[in-house]
Amino acid sequence: MQWITLQRLGYLLDFVLEEKDKADELYGLLKAACSNMKKVLLSNSAMVNNDAESNRWYVNGNIEIEIDEL
């Protein structure tokens, strides 16, 4: 599995779904397996968001994610 996919998943858990416990667990596993994460875009089909805040996932939140209510 590519690390980039896990970075994006962690970002979504952390900032979109607000599942902090799951995000923390994934972050610990990811840091143990990949000590040098690279900066990635949340979506490759959108431009870089220069105003995006830095985060531990090194993901540039360059798109707005809307979740449907269940």
Protein backbone atom coordinates (compact mmCIF):
# COMPACT_ATOMS: atom_id res chain seq x y z
CA MET A 1 0.00 0.00 0.00
CA GLN A 2 1.28 3.43 -0.81
CA TRP A 3 2.04 5.75 2.10
CA ILE A 4 0.28 8.59 0.31
CA THR A 5 -3.05 6.77 0.57
CA LEU A 6 -2.59 6.35 4.32
CA GLN A 7 -1.62 10.01 4.69
CA ARG A 8 -4.83 11.05 2.93
CA LEU A 9 -6.90 8.62 5.00
CA GLY A 10 -5.37 9.97 8.20
CA TYR A 11 -6.08 13.54 7.12
CA LEU A 12 -9.72 12.67 6.41
CA LEU A 13 -10.11 10.86 9.74
CA ASP A 14 -8.52 13.76 11.59
CA PHE A 15 -10.03 16.83 9.95
CA VAL A 16 -13.17 15.76 8.10
CA LEU A 17 -14.64 12.90 10.12
CA GLU A 18 -13.15 14.07 13.44
CA GLU A 19 -12.17 10.52 14.42
CA LYS A 20 -9.15 11.59 16.48
CA ASP A 21 -8.56 8.21 18.17
CA LYS A 22 -8.47 6.36 14.86
CA ALA A 23 -6.32 9.08 13.32
CA ASP A 24 -3.85 8.89 16.22
CA GLU A 25 -3.58 5.11 15.89
CA LEU A 26 -3.02 5.31 12.14
CA TYR A 27 -0.45 8.07 12.62
CA GLY A 28 1.54 5.93 15.05
CA LEU A 29 1.59 3.01 12.60
CA LEU A 30 2.49 5.24 9.68
CA LYS A 31 5.34 6.99 11.52
CA ALA A 32 6.79 3.62 12.58
CA ALA A 33 6.73 2.30 9.01
CA CYS A 34 7.59 5.50 7.12
CA SER A 35 9.75 7.99 8.95
CA ASN A 36 9.96 10.57 6.15
CA MET A 37 6.53 11.44 4.80
CA LYS A 38 6.45 13.68 1.77
CA LYS A 39 4.01 16.54 1.19
CA VAL A 40 1.00 15.45 -0.89
CA LEU A 41 -2.17 16.99 -2.26
CA LEU A 42 -5.53 15.80 -0.99
CA SER A 43 -6.68 15.80 -4.62
CA ASN A 44 -4.34 15.52 -7.57
CA SER A 45 -6.93 17.14 -9.83
CA ALA A 46 -6.97 20.48 -7.96
CA MET A 47 -4.42 23.24 -7.56
CA VAL A 48 -2.29 23.64 -4.45
CA ASN A 49 -4.01 25.63 -1.73
CA ASN A 50 -1.35 28.05 -0.49
CA ASP A 51 -3.58 29.01 2.44
CA ALA A 52 -3.90 25.43 3.73
CA GLU A 53 -2.66 24.96 7.27
CA SER A 54 0.28 22.66 7.96
CA ASN A 55 -0.65 19.36 9.56
CA ARG A 56 1.03 16.21 10.81
CA TRP A 57 -0.10 14.28 7.74
CA TYR A 58 1.75 16.58 5.31
CA VAL A 59 -1.46 16.78 3.25
CA ASN A 60 -2.37 19.99 1.46
CA GLY A 61 -6.14 20.30 1.88
CA ASN A 62 -6.67 21.68 -1.59
CA ILE A 63 -10.35 20.67 -1.89
CA GLU A 64 -13.38 21.06 0.34
CA ILE A 65 -14.86 17.77 1.51
CA GLU A 66 -18.57 17.66 2.33
CA ILE A 67 -19.98 14.65 4.12
CA ASP A 68 -23.55 13.51 3.83
CA GLU A 69 -25.59 13.04 6.97
CA LEU A 70 -26.52 9.44 7.59
